[in-house]
Amino acid sequence: MPRNPKIKPLESMRALFADEYYICRVQESGKIEAETAKVGTAEVLEHILANRKPHLPKENPIGINPENPVTLPSWYS
């Protein structure tokens, strides 16, 4: 999508990717922080490094599934 100076970047992202796109989801202060606190910062960072999907579903904003542990990339130590 080419840049349009008449449209704010966040509006463009919402139009293209919907509200579940990670940049759209972190705009409301406190929500993602509360979700991160539930599982821990280390777990969230590992998930970000191992999972390249930019969508954060509303029912599981961080996207962490306890039954499916994160496998870190081999370069991560």
Protein backbone atom coordinates (compact mmCIF):
# COMPACT_ATOMS: atom_id res chain seq x y z
CA MET A 1 0.00 0.00 0.00
CA PRO A 2 1.64 3.27 -1.08
CA ARG A 3 1.89 6.04 1.45
CA ASN A 4 -0.90 8.62 1.34
CA PRO A 5 -0.09 11.83 3.24
CA LYS A 6 -3.82 12.49 3.72
CA ILE A 7 -4.27 9.31 5.77
CA LYS A 8 -2.58 8.63 9.11
CA PRO A 9 -0.41 5.48 9.15
CA LEU A 10 -2.51 3.87 11.89
CA GLU A 11 -5.70 4.40 9.88
CA SER A 12 -4.04 2.75 6.87
CA MET A 13 -2.97 -0.25 8.97
CA ARG A 14 -6.46 -0.65 10.39
CA ALA A 15 -7.97 -0.53 6.91
CA LEU A 16 -5.49 -3.04 5.53
CA PHE A 17 -5.01 -5.44 8.45
CA ALA A 18 -7.99 -4.80 10.81
CA ASP A 19 -7.88 -4.09 14.53
CA GLU A 20 -6.05 -7.32 15.41
CA TYR A 21 -2.82 -6.11 13.81
CA TYR A 22 -0.28 -5.71 16.60
CA ILE A 23 0.36 -2.00 15.99
CA CYS A 24 -3.36 -1.30 16.23
CA ARG A 25 -3.72 -3.37 19.40
CA VAL A 26 -0.98 -1.59 21.38
CA GLN A 27 -2.49 1.88 20.95
CA GLU A 28 -4.70 1.65 24.05
CA SER A 29 -2.53 2.17 27.08
CA GLY A 30 -2.63 -0.54 29.72
CA LYS A 31 -4.41 -3.36 27.85
CA ILE A 32 -1.42 -5.18 26.39
CA GLU A 33 0.58 -4.44 29.53
CA ALA A 34 -2.08 -6.22 31.61
CA GLU A 35 -2.05 -9.22 29.27
CA THR A 36 1.75 -9.33 29.39
CA ALA A 37 1.66 -9.28 33.20
CA LYS A 38 -0.54 -12.42 33.19
CA VAL A 39 2.07 -14.58 31.44
CA GLY A 40 5.33 -12.73 32.10
CA THR A 41 7.59 -10.58 29.99
CA ALA A 42 10.07 -13.39 29.24
CA GLU A 43 7.31 -15.61 27.83
CA VAL A 44 5.97 -12.77 25.67
CA LEU A 45 9.42 -11.93 24.30
CA GLU A 46 10.12 -15.59 23.49
CA HIS A 47 6.77 -15.75 21.68
CA ILE A 48 7.57 -12.61 19.67
CA LEU A 49 10.96 -14.02 18.64
CA ALA A 50 9.57 -17.43 17.67
CA ASN A 51 6.28 -16.39 16.07
CA ARG A 52 6.25 -13.95 13.16
CA LYS A 53 2.48 -13.53 12.91
CA PRO A 54 1.61 -9.84 13.40
CA HIS A 55 -1.99 -10.44 14.48
CA LEU A 56 -2.99 -10.49 18.14
CA PRO A 57 -6.44 -12.08 18.44
CA LYS A 58 -8.73 -10.42 20.98
CA GLU A 59 -9.49 -13.69 22.78
CA ASN A 60 -5.76 -14.30 23.35
CA PRO A 61 -4.00 -10.95 22.82
CA ILE A 62 -0.50 -12.23 23.36
CA GLY A 63 -1.15 -15.40 21.39
CA ILE A 64 0.43 -17.76 23.92
CA ASN A 65 -0.97 -21.27 24.10
CA PRO A 66 0.20 -23.18 27.22
CA GLU A 67 -0.37 -26.53 25.44
CA ASN A 68 1.94 -25.48 22.60
CA PRO A 69 5.27 -24.32 24.07
CA VAL A 70 7.45 -21.89 22.15
CA THR A 71 10.43 -23.28 20.25
CA LEU A 72 13.08 -20.61 20.03
CA PRO A 73 15.16 -20.18 16.88
CA SER A 74 18.55 -21.90 16.92
CA TRP A 75 20.37 -18.55 16.79
CA TYR A 76 18.74 -17.42 20.06
CA SER A 77 20.77 -18.22 23.14
